[in-house]
Amino acid sequence: MTGTRTVKLVKTHDLSPKHNYIIVSHPHGILAHGAFINFATEATGFSRIFPSITPCLATLEGIFWIPIVRDYVMSMGICPVSELALKYKLTQKGSGNAVIIVVGGASEALLCRPGASTVYLKNHKGFVKLALKTGAYLVPSYSFGENNIFNQETFPEGTWLRFFQKNFQKIGKKILGLNFCTFHGRGLTRTSWGFLPFNHPITTVVGEPLPVPKICDPDKETVAKYFEIYISALRKLFDQHKTKYGFSETQELTIV
């Protein structure tokens, strides 16, 4: 992990402990570095910034099949990103709970490039349906700088390297739900090559909570309606803060 001094958590609105929340984290980047440090640890002071709110970062179920790794993530309060686990957190643990979902997942990781602002979201409406089923408020969040801490390599089409890269990614996606990215960062010294993150700042900005009605069996039209409301809130959050954290005024959030 890079020094936590380069990672910050910024609050734009209070989160009342009277409600439960789904904090939706963008972008995934290579390893969801900002989401992990800000929401799974106290390195940036989550409990001080959001008092009386209990966070639970959700990750792939496949991670919980790996010995030792499973125990490590569970010790940090991380839960599987399954409907059963998330509904339990949002309906059976009282109020003041926040589950954090990095919705772009493996597909979004492949879009990660320094300076990019692309999120994989159009086909991911499950988090909205979950919010409607549980009555949890939706909260957009964006980690500015997440895509800058690693360089990702995509080999040229038609080469053997690209052939092996694509098939390795397919196998990983099928078995574990992971797209294995070919990436690198820095080594133990600033000028060396390795797998430590580059020392670029990450600022995770948590936006305004969006009230959502509790509907046991929401129809597609209702899900689509609140999905569009969420998209508008995410774009607003990005545009309001992009120039503060490394983007130009003309940079746009691309949703695919």
Protein backbone atom coordinates (compact mmCIF):
# COMPACT_ATOMS: atom_id res chain seq x y z
CA MET A 1 0.00 0.00 0.00
CA THR A 2 1.13 3.51 -0.74
CA GLY A 3 1.47 5.95 2.14
CA THR A 4 -1.97 6.81 3.45
CA ARG A 5 -0.97 10.46 3.57
CA THR A 6 -1.71 10.51 -0.18
CA VAL A 7 -5.28 9.24 0.33
CA LYS A 8 -8.03 11.52 1.61
CA LEU A 9 -11.73 11.15 2.41
CA VAL A 10 -13.93 14.21 1.78
CA LYS A 11 -17.49 14.62 3.06
CA THR A 12 -19.96 16.87 1.25
CA HIS A 13 -23.05 15.99 3.34
CA ASP A 14 -23.73 14.40 6.70
CA LEU A 15 -25.04 10.82 6.87
CA SER A 16 -27.71 10.50 9.55
CA PRO A 17 -27.45 7.38 11.74
CA LYS A 18 -31.24 7.09 11.44
CA HIS A 19 -30.90 5.56 7.96
CA ASN A 20 -28.92 2.89 6.13
CA TYR A 21 -26.89 3.64 3.02
CA ILE A 22 -25.43 2.12 -0.12
CA ILE A 23 -22.29 4.10 -0.93
CA VAL A 24 -21.49 3.44 -4.58
CA SER A 25 -17.77 3.80 -5.29
CA HIS A 26 -16.26 4.84 -8.64
CA PRO A 27 -13.96 4.13 -10.39
CA HIS A 28 -12.69 0.64 -9.63
CA GLY A 29 -9.16 1.25 -10.87
CA ILE A 30 -6.81 -1.72 -10.69
CA LEU A 31 -7.31 -2.61 -7.01
CA ALA A 32 -9.99 -0.21 -5.68
CA HIS A 33 -7.22 1.32 -3.58
CA GLY A 34 -9.13 4.42 -2.46
CA ALA A 35 -12.25 2.48 -1.49
CA PHE A 36 -10.21 0.00 0.56
CA ILE A 37 -8.22 2.58 2.53
CA ASN A 38 -11.13 4.95 3.11
CA PHE A 39 -13.90 2.47 3.88
CA ALA A 40 -12.20 -0.70 5.18
CA THR A 41 -9.67 1.00 7.46
CA GLU A 42 -9.53 3.97 9.81
CA ALA A 43 -6.46 5.40 8.05
CA THR A 44 -8.37 8.48 6.87
CA GLY A 45 -10.72 8.74 9.84
CA PHE A 46 -14.04 7.42 8.54
CA SER A 47 -15.59 7.21 12.02
CA ARG A 48 -14.58 10.81 12.75
CA ILE A 49 -15.89 12.12 9.43
CA PHE A 50 -19.11 10.06 9.53
CA PRO A 51 -19.83 9.48 13.23
CA SER A 52 -22.26 6.68 14.19
CA ILE A 53 -22.06 5.14 10.70
CA THR A 54 -20.69 1.58 10.40
CA PRO A 55 -19.10 0.94 6.98
CA CYS A 56 -18.84 -2.44 5.28
CA LEU A 57 -16.89 -2.68 2.04
CA ALA A 58 -18.25 -5.41 -0.25
CA THR A 59 -15.98 -7.48 -2.46
CA LEU A 60 -16.18 -10.53 -4.72
CA GLU A 61 -17.46 -13.76 -3.20
CA GLY A 62 -14.53 -15.56 -4.82
CA ILE A 63 -12.15 -13.80 -2.42
CA PHE A 64 -13.78 -15.68 0.45
CA TRP A 65 -12.82 -19.01 -1.10
CA ILE A 66 -9.10 -18.28 -0.68
CA PRO A 67 -7.59 -19.53 2.62
CA ILE A 68 -5.92 -16.88 4.80
CA VAL A 69 -7.12 -14.10 2.48
CA ARG A 70 -10.67 -14.90 3.60
CA ASP A 71 -9.73 -14.47 7.26
CA TYR A 72 -7.85 -11.26 6.53
CA VAL A 73 -10.74 -9.53 4.75
CA MET A 74 -13.29 -10.74 7.30
CA SER A 75 -11.17 -9.32 10.13
CA MET A 76 -11.55 -5.91 8.46
CA GLY A 77 -15.33 -6.17 8.30
CA ILE A 78 -15.41 -6.75 4.55
CA CYS A 79 -18.39 -8.75 3.27
CA PRO A 80 -19.27 -10.61 0.05
CA VAL A 81 -21.01 -8.55 -2.62
CA SER A 82 -23.99 -10.92 -2.69
CA GLU A 83 -27.63 -9.92 -2.37
CA LEU A 84 -28.04 -12.15 0.69
CA ALA A 85 -25.11 -10.59 2.58
CA LEU A 86 -25.94 -7.02 1.62
CA LYS A 87 -29.65 -7.34 2.44
CA TYR A 88 -28.69 -8.71 5.85
CA LYS A 89 -26.43 -5.72 6.53
CA LEU A 90 -29.15 -3.28 5.44
CA THR A 91 -32.20 -4.86 7.09
CA GLN A 92 -31.08 -6.96 10.07
CA LYS A 93 -28.47 -4.76 11.75
CA GLY A 94 -30.57 -1.74 12.69
CA SER A 95 -29.77 1.71 11.28
CA GLY A 96 -26.54 3.61 10.75
CA ASN A 97 -25.04 1.04 8.39
CA ALA A 98 -23.35 1.77 5.07
CA VAL A 99 -22.37 -0.90 2.57
CA ILE A 100 -19.86 0.20 -0.03
CA ILE A 101 -20.11 -1.33 -3.50
CA VAL A 102 -17.49 -0.79 -6.22
CA VAL A 103 -20.02 -1.46 -8.95
CA GLY A 104 -17.73 -1.26 -11.99
CA GLY A 105 -15.97 -4.44 -10.95
CA ALA A 106 -13.69 -6.45 -13.20
CA SER A 107 -14.96 -4.90 -16.43
CA GLU A 108 -14.19 -1.39 -15.22
CA ALA A 109 -10.69 -2.41 -14.13
CA LEU A 110 -9.82 -3.00 -17.78
CA LEU A 111 -10.77 0.62 -18.56
CA CYS A 112 -8.28 1.95 -16.01
CA ARG A 113 -5.71 4.31 -17.49
CA PRO A 114 -3.93 7.34 -15.98
CA GLY A 115 -6.07 10.40 -16.58
CA ALA A 116 -9.16 8.38 -17.54
CA SER A 117 -12.63 9.16 -16.16
CA THR A 118 -14.68 6.26 -17.53
CA VAL A 119 -17.04 4.21 -15.38
CA TYR A 120 -18.73 0.94 -16.35
CA LEU A 121 -22.28 1.46 -15.14
CA LYS A 122 -25.01 1.31 -17.80
CA ASN A 123 -25.64 -2.41 -17.33
CA HIS A 124 -25.20 -2.38 -13.54
CA LYS A 125 -28.56 -1.52 -12.02
CA GLY A 126 -28.60 -4.17 -9.31
CA PHE A 127 -27.46 -1.73 -6.63
CA VAL A 128 -30.49 0.47 -7.37
CA LYS A 129 -32.84 -2.50 -7.08
CA LEU A 130 -31.19 -3.43 -3.77
CA ALA A 131 -31.68 0.12 -2.48
CA LEU A 132 -35.37 0.00 -3.39
CA LYS A 133 -35.86 -3.40 -1.76
CA THR A 134 -34.24 -2.27 1.49
CA GLY A 135 -35.07 1.44 1.54
CA ALA A 136 -31.38 2.29 1.86
CA TYR A 137 -30.31 5.74 0.66
CA LEU A 138 -28.03 5.82 -2.39
CA VAL A 139 -24.79 7.78 -2.00
CA PRO A 140 -22.47 8.47 -4.97
CA SER A 141 -18.73 8.62 -4.34
CA TYR A 142 -15.81 9.21 -6.68
CA SER A 143 -12.12 8.54 -6.00
CA PHE A 144 -10.21 11.17 -7.95
CA GLY A 145 -6.74 9.88 -8.83
CA GLU A 146 -7.63 6.19 -8.50
CA ASN A 147 -6.69 5.52 -12.12
CA ASN A 148 -3.28 7.18 -11.77
CA ILE A 149 -1.53 4.87 -9.30
CA PHE A 150 -0.77 2.04 -11.75
CA ASN A 151 0.03 1.76 -15.44
CA GLN A 152 -1.90 -0.93 -17.31
CA GLU A 153 -0.50 -2.70 -20.36
CA THR A 154 -2.65 -3.92 -23.25
CA PHE A 155 -0.62 -5.82 -25.82
CA PRO A 156 -1.24 -5.24 -29.57
CA GLU A 157 -4.00 -7.26 -31.20
CA GLY A 158 -2.76 -10.19 -33.26
CA THR A 159 0.28 -10.87 -31.08
CA TRP A 160 0.87 -13.96 -28.97
CA LEU A 161 1.09 -11.79 -25.87
CA ARG A 162 -2.39 -10.41 -26.55
CA PHE A 163 -3.71 -13.94 -27.18
CA PHE A 164 -2.47 -15.17 -23.80
CA GLN A 165 -3.57 -11.97 -22.07
CA LYS A 166 -7.17 -12.23 -23.33
CA ASN A 167 -7.50 -15.93 -22.51
CA PHE A 168 -5.98 -15.48 -19.05
CA GLN A 169 -8.53 -12.74 -18.39
CA LYS A 170 -11.40 -14.94 -19.60
CA ILE A 171 -10.36 -17.77 -17.28
CA GLY A 172 -10.07 -15.41 -14.31
CA LYS A 173 -13.46 -13.85 -15.03
CA LYS A 174 -15.15 -17.27 -15.34
CA ILE A 175 -13.65 -18.83 -12.20
CA LEU A 176 -13.30 -15.92 -9.77
CA GLY A 177 -15.14 -13.07 -11.45
CA LEU A 178 -11.80 -11.28 -11.82
CA ASN A 179 -10.28 -9.73 -14.92
CA PHE A 180 -6.56 -10.13 -14.35
CA CYS A 181 -4.97 -6.88 -15.48
CA THR A 182 -1.41 -6.60 -16.76
CA PHE A 183 -0.15 -3.66 -14.75
CA HIS A 184 2.85 -2.22 -12.98
CA GLY A 185 3.71 0.51 -10.54
CA ARG A 186 6.95 1.45 -8.84
CA GLY A 187 9.48 -0.65 -6.99
CA LEU A 188 11.12 -0.12 -3.62
CA THR A 189 12.82 3.00 -4.95
CA ARG A 190 11.12 5.87 -6.75
CA THR A 191 12.75 5.14 -10.09
CA SER A 192 12.44 1.34 -10.10
CA TRP A 193 9.74 -0.83 -11.66
CA GLY A 194 7.48 -2.99 -9.49
CA PHE A 195 3.99 -3.52 -8.13
CA LEU A 196 3.75 -0.83 -5.47
CA PRO A 197 1.35 2.03 -6.32
CA PHE A 198 2.80 5.22 -7.71
CA ASN A 199 2.75 7.97 -5.12
CA HIS A 200 -0.15 9.90 -6.65
CA PRO A 201 -2.89 11.37 -4.43
CA ILE A 202 -6.34 9.80 -4.23
CA THR A 203 -9.24 11.86 -2.93
CA THR A 204 -12.52 10.05 -2.35
CA VAL A 205 -15.42 12.50 -2.34
CA VAL A 206 -18.67 11.20 -0.82
CA GLY A 207 -21.74 12.93 -2.22
CA GLU A 208 -25.26 13.72 -1.15
CA PRO A 209 -27.46 10.82 0.05
CA LEU A 210 -30.44 10.20 -2.23
CA PRO A 211 -33.66 9.08 -0.48
CA VAL A 212 -35.13 5.91 -1.96
CA PRO A 213 -38.58 4.45 -1.13
CA LYS A 214 -38.78 0.90 0.18
CA ILE A 215 -40.50 -1.31 -2.41
CA CYS A 216 -40.42 -5.07 -1.88
CA ASP A 217 -40.64 -5.92 -5.58
CA PRO A 218 -39.74 -2.85 -7.69
CA ASP A 219 -40.61 -2.98 -11.38
CA LYS A 220 -38.15 -2.17 -14.18
CA GLU A 221 -39.57 1.31 -14.69
CA THR A 222 -39.02 2.24 -11.04
CA VAL A 223 -35.48 0.85 -11.08
CA ALA A 224 -34.74 2.79 -14.28
CA LYS A 225 -36.14 6.00 -12.77
CA TYR A 226 -33.90 5.89 -9.69
CA PHE A 227 -30.95 4.74 -11.77
CA GLU A 228 -31.22 7.94 -13.83
CA ILE A 229 -31.51 9.99 -10.64
CA TYR A 230 -28.33 8.35 -9.40
CA ILE A 231 -26.51 8.97 -12.70
CA SER A 232 -27.40 12.67 -12.54
CA ALA A 233 -26.12 12.89 -8.95
CA LEU A 234 -22.85 11.15 -9.88
CA ARG A 235 -22.25 13.49 -12.82
CA LYS A 236 -22.97 16.49 -10.59
CA LEU A 237 -20.51 15.24 -7.96
CA PHE A 238 -17.80 14.69 -10.58
CA ASP A 239 -18.29 18.09 -12.23
CA GLN A 240 -18.32 19.97 -8.93
CA HIS A 241 -15.00 18.55 -7.75
CA LYS A 242 -13.00 17.60 -10.86
CA THR A 243 -10.91 20.78 -11.07
CA LYS A 244 -9.96 20.53 -7.39
CA TYR A 245 -8.47 17.07 -7.79
CA GLY A 246 -6.51 16.93 -11.02
CA PHE A 247 -8.95 17.19 -13.93
CA SER A 248 -9.49 20.10 -16.30
CA GLU A 249 -12.76 21.98 -16.63
CA THR A 250 -13.41 20.24 -19.96
CA GLN A 251 -12.92 16.69 -18.63
CA GLU A 252 -16.16 14.72 -18.75
CA LEU A 253 -17.33 11.64 -16.90
CA THR A 254 -17.89 8.90 -19.47
CA ILE A 255 -20.44 6.22 -18.58
CA VAL A 256 -20.40 3.00 -20.59
